[in-house]
N, C-alpha and C. Protein backbone atom coordinates (compact mmCIF):
# COMPACT_ATOMS: atom_id res chain seq x y z
N MET A 1 29.25 12.39 2.25
CA MET A 1 28.47 12.16 3.46
C MET A 1 28.93 10.84 4.08
N SER A 2 28.99 10.82 5.39
CA SER A 2 29.41 9.61 6.10
C SER A 2 28.32 8.54 5.98
N PRO A 3 28.69 7.28 6.14
CA PRO A 3 27.67 6.22 6.10
C PRO A 3 26.59 6.43 7.17
N TYR A 4 26.99 6.89 8.36
CA TYR A 4 26.01 7.16 9.41
C TYR A 4 25.04 8.26 8.98
N GLY A 5 25.58 9.32 8.38
CA GLY A 5 24.73 10.42 7.90
C GLY A 5 23.78 9.96 6.81
N ALA A 6 24.28 9.10 5.91
CA ALA A 6 23.43 8.57 4.84
C ALA A 6 22.30 7.72 5.41
N ARG A 7 22.62 6.91 6.42
CA ARG A 7 21.59 6.09 7.06
C ARG A 7 20.54 6.96 7.74
N MET A 8 20.99 7.96 8.47
CA MET A 8 20.06 8.86 9.16
C MET A 8 19.18 9.62 8.15
N LEU A 9 19.77 10.05 7.06
CA LEU A 9 19.01 10.74 6.03
C LEU A 9 17.95 9.82 5.42
N ALA A 10 18.31 8.57 5.15
CA ALA A 10 17.36 7.61 4.58
C ALA A 10 16.19 7.38 5.53
N TRP A 11 16.47 7.16 6.82
CA TRP A 11 15.39 6.93 7.78
C TRP A 11 14.54 8.18 7.99
N THR A 12 15.17 9.36 7.96
CA THR A 12 14.43 10.61 8.12
C THR A 12 13.51 10.84 6.93
N ARG A 13 14.01 10.63 5.74
CA ARG A 13 13.17 10.77 4.54
C ARG A 13 11.98 9.81 4.58
N THR A 14 12.25 8.57 4.97
CA THR A 14 11.18 7.57 5.02
C THR A 14 10.15 7.93 6.07
N ALA A 15 10.60 8.31 7.24
CA ALA A 15 9.65 8.72 8.29
C ALA A 15 8.82 9.91 7.84
N GLY A 16 9.45 10.86 7.16
CA GLY A 16 8.72 12.01 6.64
C GLY A 16 7.71 11.62 5.57
N ALA A 17 8.12 10.77 4.66
CA ALA A 17 7.21 10.33 3.59
C ALA A 17 6.03 9.56 4.17
N ILE A 18 6.29 8.68 5.11
CA ILE A 18 5.21 7.91 5.73
C ILE A 18 4.27 8.83 6.49
N ALA A 19 4.83 9.80 7.20
CA ALA A 19 4.00 10.75 7.95
C ALA A 19 3.13 11.58 7.00
N VAL A 20 3.69 12.03 5.90
CA VAL A 20 2.93 12.83 4.94
C VAL A 20 1.83 12.01 4.29
N VAL A 21 2.17 10.83 3.78
CA VAL A 21 1.17 9.99 3.10
C VAL A 21 0.06 9.59 4.06
N THR A 22 0.43 9.15 5.25
CA THR A 22 -0.58 8.73 6.23
C THR A 22 -1.37 9.94 6.74
N GLY A 23 -0.70 11.05 6.94
CA GLY A 23 -1.40 12.26 7.37
C GLY A 23 -2.42 12.73 6.34
N LEU A 24 -2.04 12.71 5.07
CA LEU A 24 -2.98 13.08 4.01
C LEU A 24 -4.19 12.14 4.00
N TYR A 25 -3.94 10.87 4.23
CA TYR A 25 -5.04 9.90 4.27
C TYR A 25 -6.08 10.31 5.31
N PHE A 26 -5.62 10.80 6.45
CA PHE A 26 -6.55 11.16 7.52
C PHE A 26 -7.24 12.50 7.32
N VAL A 27 -6.72 13.38 6.46
CA VAL A 27 -7.32 14.71 6.33
C VAL A 27 -8.01 14.98 4.99
N VAL A 28 -7.61 14.28 3.93
CA VAL A 28 -8.22 14.53 2.62
C VAL A 28 -9.64 13.96 2.61
N PRO A 29 -10.61 14.77 2.22
CA PRO A 29 -11.98 14.25 2.17
C PRO A 29 -12.11 13.14 1.12
N LEU A 30 -12.81 12.08 1.51
CA LEU A 30 -13.05 10.96 0.61
C LEU A 30 -14.55 10.75 0.49
N PRO A 31 -15.04 10.56 -0.74
CA PRO A 31 -16.48 10.30 -0.89
C PRO A 31 -16.83 8.92 -0.34
N GLN A 32 -18.00 8.82 0.24
CA GLN A 32 -18.43 7.53 0.74
C GLN A 32 -19.72 7.13 0.04
N ALA A 33 -19.79 5.88 -0.36
CA ALA A 33 -20.98 5.37 -1.03
C ALA A 33 -22.08 5.19 -0.01
N GLY A 34 -23.25 5.61 -0.38
CA GLY A 34 -24.40 5.39 0.48
C GLY A 34 -25.29 4.32 -0.12
N PRO A 35 -26.34 3.97 0.59
CA PRO A 35 -27.25 2.98 0.04
C PRO A 35 -27.83 3.45 -1.29
N GLY A 36 -27.91 2.57 -2.23
CA GLY A 36 -28.53 2.88 -3.52
C GLY A 36 -27.65 3.72 -4.43
N ALA A 37 -26.34 3.67 -4.24
CA ALA A 37 -25.46 4.41 -5.14
C ALA A 37 -25.64 3.89 -6.56
N GLY A 38 -25.73 4.78 -7.49
CA GLY A 38 -26.03 4.42 -8.88
C GLY A 38 -24.93 3.63 -9.55
N GLY A 39 -25.29 2.94 -10.64
CA GLY A 39 -24.35 2.14 -11.39
C GLY A 39 -23.23 2.96 -12.00
N GLY A 40 -23.53 4.20 -12.40
CA GLY A 40 -22.51 5.07 -12.97
C GLY A 40 -21.42 5.38 -11.96
N LEU A 41 -21.82 5.58 -10.70
CA LEU A 41 -20.86 5.83 -9.64
C LEU A 41 -19.98 4.61 -9.42
N PHE A 42 -20.58 3.43 -9.45
CA PHE A 42 -19.81 2.19 -9.29
C PHE A 42 -18.79 2.05 -10.42
N GLN A 43 -19.21 2.33 -11.65
CA GLN A 43 -18.30 2.21 -12.79
C GLN A 43 -17.16 3.21 -12.67
N TRP A 44 -17.46 4.43 -12.25
CA TRP A 44 -16.43 5.45 -12.10
C TRP A 44 -15.42 5.02 -11.03
N ARG A 45 -15.92 4.53 -9.90
CA ARG A 45 -15.02 4.10 -8.82
C ARG A 45 -14.20 2.88 -9.23
N SER A 46 -14.79 2.00 -10.01
CA SER A 46 -14.05 0.84 -10.50
C SER A 46 -12.91 1.29 -11.41
N PHE A 47 -13.21 2.23 -12.30
CA PHE A 47 -12.17 2.76 -13.19
C PHE A 47 -11.08 3.45 -12.37
N ALA A 48 -11.48 4.26 -11.39
CA ALA A 48 -10.50 4.97 -10.56
C ALA A 48 -9.63 3.98 -9.79
N SER A 49 -10.22 2.90 -9.31
CA SER A 49 -9.45 1.88 -8.59
C SER A 49 -8.44 1.20 -9.50
N LEU A 50 -8.86 0.85 -10.71
CA LEU A 50 -7.94 0.22 -11.66
C LEU A 50 -6.81 1.16 -12.04
N ALA A 51 -7.14 2.42 -12.24
CA ALA A 51 -6.11 3.41 -12.55
C ALA A 51 -5.15 3.54 -11.38
N GLY A 52 -5.69 3.55 -10.16
CA GLY A 52 -4.85 3.62 -8.97
C GLY A 52 -3.92 2.42 -8.85
N LEU A 53 -4.43 1.24 -9.15
CA LEU A 53 -3.59 0.04 -9.12
C LEU A 53 -2.47 0.11 -10.15
N ALA A 54 -2.79 0.62 -11.32
CA ALA A 54 -1.75 0.78 -12.35
C ALA A 54 -0.68 1.76 -11.89
N ILE A 55 -1.09 2.85 -11.27
CA ILE A 55 -0.14 3.85 -10.76
C ILE A 55 0.70 3.24 -9.63
N LEU A 56 0.05 2.49 -8.73
CA LEU A 56 0.79 1.84 -7.64
C LEU A 56 1.84 0.87 -8.18
N THR A 57 1.46 0.09 -9.17
CA THR A 57 2.40 -0.86 -9.77
C THR A 57 3.58 -0.11 -10.39
N TRP A 58 3.29 0.96 -11.08
CA TRP A 58 4.36 1.78 -11.68
C TRP A 58 5.26 2.36 -10.60
N LEU A 59 4.66 2.90 -9.51
CA LEU A 59 5.46 3.49 -8.44
C LEU A 59 6.36 2.45 -7.77
N LEU A 60 5.81 1.28 -7.49
CA LEU A 60 6.64 0.24 -6.88
C LEU A 60 7.75 -0.22 -7.81
N THR A 61 7.45 -0.31 -9.10
CA THR A 61 8.47 -0.66 -10.08
C THR A 61 9.59 0.37 -10.08
N ARG A 62 9.23 1.64 -10.05
CA ARG A 62 10.24 2.72 -10.01
C ARG A 62 11.07 2.64 -8.73
N GLN A 63 10.39 2.37 -7.59
CA GLN A 63 11.12 2.26 -6.33
C GLN A 63 12.13 1.12 -6.37
N VAL A 64 11.72 -0.01 -6.94
CA VAL A 64 12.63 -1.15 -7.04
C VAL A 64 13.81 -0.79 -7.96
N GLN A 65 13.53 -0.16 -9.08
CA GLN A 65 14.61 0.23 -10.00
C GLN A 65 15.59 1.17 -9.30
N ARG A 66 15.06 2.12 -8.57
CA ARG A 66 15.92 3.07 -7.84
C ARG A 66 16.70 2.35 -6.74
N ALA A 67 16.04 1.41 -6.04
CA ALA A 67 16.69 0.70 -4.95
C ALA A 67 17.83 -0.19 -5.45
N LEU A 68 17.74 -0.66 -6.69
CA LEU A 68 18.73 -1.59 -7.23
C LEU A 68 19.97 -0.90 -7.79
N ARG A 69 19.99 0.41 -7.77
CA ARG A 69 21.19 1.09 -8.25
C ARG A 69 22.39 0.68 -7.38
N PRO A 70 23.52 0.46 -8.01
CA PRO A 70 24.68 -0.07 -7.28
C PRO A 70 25.15 0.83 -6.13
N GLU A 71 24.95 2.12 -6.24
CA GLU A 71 25.45 3.03 -5.20
C GLU A 71 24.55 3.08 -3.96
N ARG A 72 23.40 2.43 -4.00
CA ARG A 72 22.46 2.46 -2.88
C ARG A 72 22.98 1.65 -1.70
N LEU A 73 22.85 2.22 -0.52
CA LEU A 73 23.15 1.50 0.71
C LEU A 73 21.98 0.59 1.05
N LEU A 74 22.24 -0.44 1.85
CA LEU A 74 21.18 -1.35 2.27
C LEU A 74 20.04 -0.59 2.94
N VAL A 75 20.38 0.34 3.80
CA VAL A 75 19.34 1.08 4.51
C VAL A 75 18.46 1.87 3.54
N GLU A 76 19.06 2.40 2.49
CA GLU A 76 18.28 3.13 1.49
C GLU A 76 17.33 2.19 0.77
N GLN A 77 17.79 1.00 0.45
CA GLN A 77 16.95 0.03 -0.23
C GLN A 77 15.76 -0.38 0.65
N VAL A 78 16.02 -0.63 1.91
CA VAL A 78 14.97 -1.03 2.83
C VAL A 78 13.96 0.09 3.03
N THR A 79 14.45 1.30 3.22
CA THR A 79 13.54 2.42 3.47
C THR A 79 12.71 2.76 2.24
N MET A 80 13.27 2.56 1.06
CA MET A 80 12.50 2.80 -0.16
C MET A 80 11.34 1.81 -0.25
N LEU A 81 11.60 0.56 0.11
CA LEU A 81 10.53 -0.44 0.10
C LEU A 81 9.47 -0.13 1.16
N LEU A 82 9.89 0.32 2.32
CA LEU A 82 8.93 0.69 3.37
C LEU A 82 8.00 1.81 2.90
N THR A 83 8.57 2.78 2.23
CA THR A 83 7.75 3.87 1.70
C THR A 83 6.75 3.35 0.68
N GLY A 84 7.19 2.48 -0.20
CA GLY A 84 6.29 1.89 -1.20
C GLY A 84 5.16 1.09 -0.57
N VAL A 85 5.49 0.29 0.44
CA VAL A 85 4.47 -0.50 1.12
C VAL A 85 3.48 0.41 1.83
N ASN A 86 3.97 1.49 2.42
CA ASN A 86 3.07 2.45 3.07
C ASN A 86 2.07 3.03 2.08
N VAL A 87 2.53 3.39 0.90
CA VAL A 87 1.63 3.94 -0.12
C VAL A 87 0.58 2.91 -0.51
N VAL A 88 0.98 1.66 -0.66
CA VAL A 88 0.03 0.59 -1.00
C VAL A 88 -1.03 0.45 0.09
N VAL A 89 -0.61 0.40 1.34
CA VAL A 89 -1.55 0.24 2.45
C VAL A 89 -2.52 1.42 2.51
N VAL A 90 -2.02 2.62 2.36
CA VAL A 90 -2.89 3.81 2.42
C VAL A 90 -3.86 3.82 1.24
N PHE A 91 -3.42 3.41 0.06
CA PHE A 91 -4.32 3.34 -1.09
C PHE A 91 -5.49 2.41 -0.80
N PHE A 92 -5.20 1.22 -0.30
CA PHE A 92 -6.28 0.27 -0.02
C PHE A 92 -7.14 0.74 1.16
N ALA A 93 -6.54 1.36 2.15
CA ALA A 93 -7.32 1.89 3.26
C ALA A 93 -8.31 2.95 2.76
N ALA A 94 -7.85 3.81 1.87
CA ALA A 94 -8.74 4.84 1.30
C ALA A 94 -9.86 4.17 0.51
N THR A 95 -9.54 3.12 -0.21
CA THR A 95 -10.57 2.36 -0.94
C THR A 95 -11.61 1.83 0.02
N TYR A 96 -11.16 1.30 1.15
CA TYR A 96 -12.09 0.73 2.13
C TYR A 96 -12.93 1.81 2.81
N VAL A 97 -12.38 3.00 2.99
CA VAL A 97 -13.17 4.11 3.55
C VAL A 97 -14.30 4.45 2.61
N VAL A 98 -13.98 4.53 1.33
CA VAL A 98 -14.99 4.86 0.32
C VAL A 98 -16.08 3.79 0.28
N MET A 99 -15.70 2.55 0.55
CA MET A 99 -16.64 1.42 0.48
C MET A 99 -17.11 0.98 1.87
N ALA A 100 -17.02 1.83 2.86
CA ALA A 100 -17.29 1.43 4.25
C ALA A 100 -18.65 0.77 4.43
N ASP A 101 -19.63 1.16 3.60
CA ASP A 101 -20.96 0.55 3.72
C ASP A 101 -20.97 -0.92 3.28
N GLN A 102 -19.90 -1.38 2.66
CA GLN A 102 -19.78 -2.76 2.20
C GLN A 102 -19.07 -3.66 3.23
N PHE A 103 -18.70 -3.09 4.37
CA PHE A 103 -17.96 -3.82 5.39
C PHE A 103 -18.71 -3.80 6.71
N ALA A 104 -18.61 -4.88 7.44
CA ALA A 104 -19.07 -4.90 8.83
C ALA A 104 -17.84 -4.61 9.68
N GLY A 105 -17.83 -3.47 10.35
CA GLY A 105 -16.73 -3.15 11.25
C GLY A 105 -15.91 -1.93 10.88
N ILE A 106 -16.05 -1.41 9.68
CA ILE A 106 -15.30 -0.20 9.33
C ILE A 106 -16.19 1.01 9.62
N ARG A 107 -15.82 1.75 10.69
CA ARG A 107 -16.55 2.95 11.06
C ARG A 107 -15.68 4.20 10.97
N THR A 108 -14.37 4.02 11.01
CA THR A 108 -13.45 5.15 10.99
C THR A 108 -12.33 4.89 9.98
N ARG A 109 -11.57 5.91 9.72
CA ARG A 109 -10.41 5.74 8.83
C ARG A 109 -9.36 4.84 9.47
N LEU A 110 -9.24 4.91 10.78
CA LEU A 110 -8.29 4.03 11.45
C LEU A 110 -8.71 2.57 11.30
N ASP A 111 -10.02 2.31 11.36
CA ASP A 111 -10.51 0.95 11.11
C ASP A 111 -10.08 0.47 9.73
N ALA A 112 -10.23 1.33 8.73
CA ALA A 112 -9.89 0.95 7.35
C ALA A 112 -8.38 0.75 7.21
N LEU A 113 -7.59 1.61 7.84
CA LEU A 113 -6.13 1.46 7.79
C LEU A 113 -5.71 0.16 8.47
N TYR A 114 -6.29 -0.10 9.62
CA TYR A 114 -6.02 -1.35 10.34
C TYR A 114 -6.37 -2.55 9.47
N PHE A 115 -7.51 -2.53 8.82
CA PHE A 115 -7.92 -3.65 7.97
C PHE A 115 -6.96 -3.84 6.80
N ALA A 116 -6.51 -2.74 6.20
CA ALA A 116 -5.56 -2.83 5.08
C ALA A 116 -4.24 -3.45 5.53
N VAL A 117 -3.77 -3.09 6.72
CA VAL A 117 -2.52 -3.66 7.24
C VAL A 117 -2.71 -5.14 7.57
N VAL A 118 -3.84 -5.48 8.20
CA VAL A 118 -4.11 -6.88 8.54
C VAL A 118 -4.22 -7.72 7.27
N THR A 119 -4.82 -7.17 6.23
CA THR A 119 -4.93 -7.89 4.97
C THR A 119 -3.55 -8.05 4.33
N LEU A 120 -2.72 -7.01 4.38
CA LEU A 120 -1.35 -7.11 3.85
C LEU A 120 -0.60 -8.24 4.56
N GLY A 121 -0.79 -8.33 5.86
CA GLY A 121 -0.11 -9.36 6.63
C GLY A 121 -0.78 -10.72 6.55
N THR A 122 -1.86 -10.81 5.81
CA THR A 122 -2.67 -12.03 5.66
C THR A 122 -3.03 -12.64 7.01
N ILE A 123 -3.36 -11.78 7.97
CA ILE A 123 -3.67 -12.24 9.32
C ILE A 123 -5.15 -12.57 9.43
N GLY A 124 -6.03 -11.60 9.13
CA GLY A 124 -7.45 -11.83 9.15
C GLY A 124 -8.02 -12.21 10.50
N TYR A 125 -8.13 -11.25 11.41
CA TYR A 125 -8.68 -11.51 12.74
C TYR A 125 -10.19 -11.77 12.72
N GLY A 126 -10.88 -11.27 11.73
CA GLY A 126 -12.32 -11.49 11.65
C GLY A 126 -13.16 -10.40 12.30
N ASP A 127 -12.53 -9.37 12.84
CA ASP A 127 -13.29 -8.29 13.46
C ASP A 127 -13.86 -7.32 12.43
N ILE A 128 -13.25 -7.25 11.26
CA ILE A 128 -13.77 -6.46 10.14
C ILE A 128 -13.96 -7.44 8.99
N VAL A 129 -15.16 -7.41 8.41
CA VAL A 129 -15.48 -8.41 7.41
C VAL A 129 -16.12 -7.74 6.19
N PRO A 130 -15.63 -8.06 4.98
CA PRO A 130 -16.33 -7.56 3.80
C PRO A 130 -17.65 -8.32 3.64
N VAL A 131 -18.75 -7.58 3.54
CA VAL A 131 -20.05 -8.25 3.40
C VAL A 131 -20.64 -8.04 2.01
N GLY A 132 -20.31 -6.94 1.37
CA GLY A 132 -20.79 -6.68 0.01
C GLY A 132 -19.89 -7.31 -1.03
N GLN A 133 -20.46 -7.54 -2.20
CA GLN A 133 -19.70 -8.16 -3.28
C GLN A 133 -18.53 -7.29 -3.72
N ALA A 134 -18.75 -5.97 -3.80
CA ALA A 134 -17.67 -5.07 -4.20
C ALA A 134 -16.55 -5.08 -3.17
N ALA A 135 -16.89 -5.13 -1.90
CA ALA A 135 -15.87 -5.18 -0.84
C ALA A 135 -15.07 -6.47 -0.92
N LYS A 136 -15.76 -7.57 -1.15
CA LYS A 136 -15.06 -8.85 -1.28
C LYS A 136 -14.10 -8.82 -2.47
N ALA A 137 -14.54 -8.21 -3.56
CA ALA A 137 -13.68 -8.09 -4.74
C ALA A 137 -12.47 -7.21 -4.43
N ALA A 138 -12.68 -6.11 -3.70
CA ALA A 138 -11.58 -5.22 -3.35
C ALA A 138 -10.55 -5.93 -2.47
N VAL A 139 -11.02 -6.72 -1.53
CA VAL A 139 -10.10 -7.45 -0.64
C VAL A 139 -9.33 -8.52 -1.44
N ILE A 140 -10.00 -9.17 -2.36
CA ILE A 140 -9.31 -10.14 -3.23
C ILE A 140 -8.23 -9.42 -4.03
N VAL A 141 -8.56 -8.27 -4.59
CA VAL A 141 -7.58 -7.50 -5.37
C VAL A 141 -6.40 -7.11 -4.50
N GLN A 142 -6.66 -6.62 -3.27
CA GLN A 142 -5.54 -6.26 -2.40
C GLN A 142 -4.68 -7.46 -2.08
N THR A 143 -5.30 -8.57 -1.75
CA THR A 143 -4.54 -9.77 -1.40
C THR A 143 -3.65 -10.22 -2.55
N VAL A 144 -4.21 -10.28 -3.75
CA VAL A 144 -3.42 -10.68 -4.92
C VAL A 144 -2.33 -9.64 -5.21
N PHE A 145 -2.68 -8.37 -5.14
CA PHE A 145 -1.71 -7.30 -5.38
C PHE A 145 -0.55 -7.41 -4.39
N ASP A 146 -0.89 -7.60 -3.11
CA ASP A 146 0.15 -7.71 -2.09
C ASP A 146 1.03 -8.94 -2.33
N LEU A 147 0.40 -10.07 -2.63
CA LEU A 147 1.16 -11.30 -2.83
C LEU A 147 2.03 -11.27 -4.08
N VAL A 148 1.52 -10.68 -5.14
CA VAL A 148 2.26 -10.68 -6.40
C VAL A 148 3.19 -9.48 -6.51
N ILE A 149 2.65 -8.28 -6.43
CA ILE A 149 3.44 -7.08 -6.70
C ILE A 149 4.36 -6.73 -5.54
N VAL A 150 3.81 -6.61 -4.34
CA VAL A 150 4.63 -6.21 -3.19
C VAL A 150 5.68 -7.28 -2.88
N THR A 151 5.27 -8.53 -2.86
CA THR A 151 6.23 -9.60 -2.58
C THR A 151 7.30 -9.67 -3.66
N SER A 152 6.94 -9.46 -4.91
CA SER A 152 7.94 -9.46 -5.99
C SER A 152 8.94 -8.33 -5.80
N ALA A 153 8.45 -7.16 -5.44
CA ALA A 153 9.35 -6.02 -5.23
C ALA A 153 10.34 -6.33 -4.11
N ILE A 154 9.86 -6.86 -3.02
CA ILE A 154 10.74 -7.18 -1.90
C ILE A 154 11.73 -8.28 -2.29
N THR A 155 11.25 -9.30 -2.99
CA THR A 155 12.11 -10.41 -3.40
C THR A 155 13.22 -9.94 -4.33
N ILE A 156 12.89 -9.07 -5.27
CA ILE A 156 13.89 -8.57 -6.22
C ILE A 156 14.99 -7.81 -5.49
N VAL A 157 14.61 -6.94 -4.58
CA VAL A 157 15.61 -6.15 -3.85
C VAL A 157 16.44 -7.05 -2.94
N VAL A 158 15.80 -7.95 -2.22
CA VAL A 158 16.54 -8.84 -1.31
C VAL A 158 17.48 -9.75 -2.11
N SER A 159 17.03 -10.25 -3.26
CA SER A 159 17.90 -11.10 -4.09
C SER A 159 19.13 -10.34 -4.57
N ALA A 160 18.96 -9.07 -4.84
CA ALA A 160 20.10 -8.27 -5.30
C ALA A 160 21.11 -8.04 -4.18
N LEU A 161 20.71 -8.22 -2.95
CA LEU A 161 21.60 -8.00 -1.82
C LEU A 161 22.53 -9.17 -1.54
N ARG A 162 22.17 -10.35 -2.06
CA ARG A 162 22.98 -11.54 -1.84
C ARG A 162 24.34 -11.39 -2.50
N PRO A 163 25.38 -11.82 -1.81
CA PRO A 163 26.72 -11.76 -2.42
C PRO A 163 26.78 -12.63 -3.66
N ARG A 164 27.46 -12.16 -4.67
CA ARG A 164 27.62 -12.91 -5.92
C ARG A 164 28.50 -14.14 -5.68
N GLY A 165 28.19 -15.23 -6.39
CA GLY A 165 29.01 -16.41 -6.33
C GLY A 165 28.62 -17.40 -5.25
N ARG A 166 27.65 -17.01 -4.39
CA ARG A 166 27.18 -17.93 -3.35
C ARG A 166 25.71 -18.18 -3.56
N PRO A 167 25.23 -19.40 -3.25
CA PRO A 167 23.81 -19.70 -3.43
C PRO A 167 22.94 -19.00 -2.42
């Protein structure tokens, strides 16, 4: 395959993966906590969130390992990271949809997706605010996850792109 064809294939796969993951986010039913949700429900959701974080960490690790293969083109490495970041954002957006009653400003799935992206970018406009303790904990977890795991994945791939023998 020509380099142009490989680049087009990488971007097409990434666009498709992002469309599928984001599309599923908007159509898959998600449970929402209401007032007075029981402690058992909270424990179950906490366990599910931790399991999800473990799976996300594993997926990003696999993406980085795949991206670092010597035969990978730069465009393939970049698009693989974009796909991984999209999955992270959608995971946290889904978490925020489920916890919408813990936030001031999250009324739709787009609101939750927007908040997850703004949190990833560490922008924080203040239009959506976690007001419940669980929401504040979830935002802290996303911020730390983004800073540690996502940034590490990007740093590892970018470092591997530097020519050998030069600082």
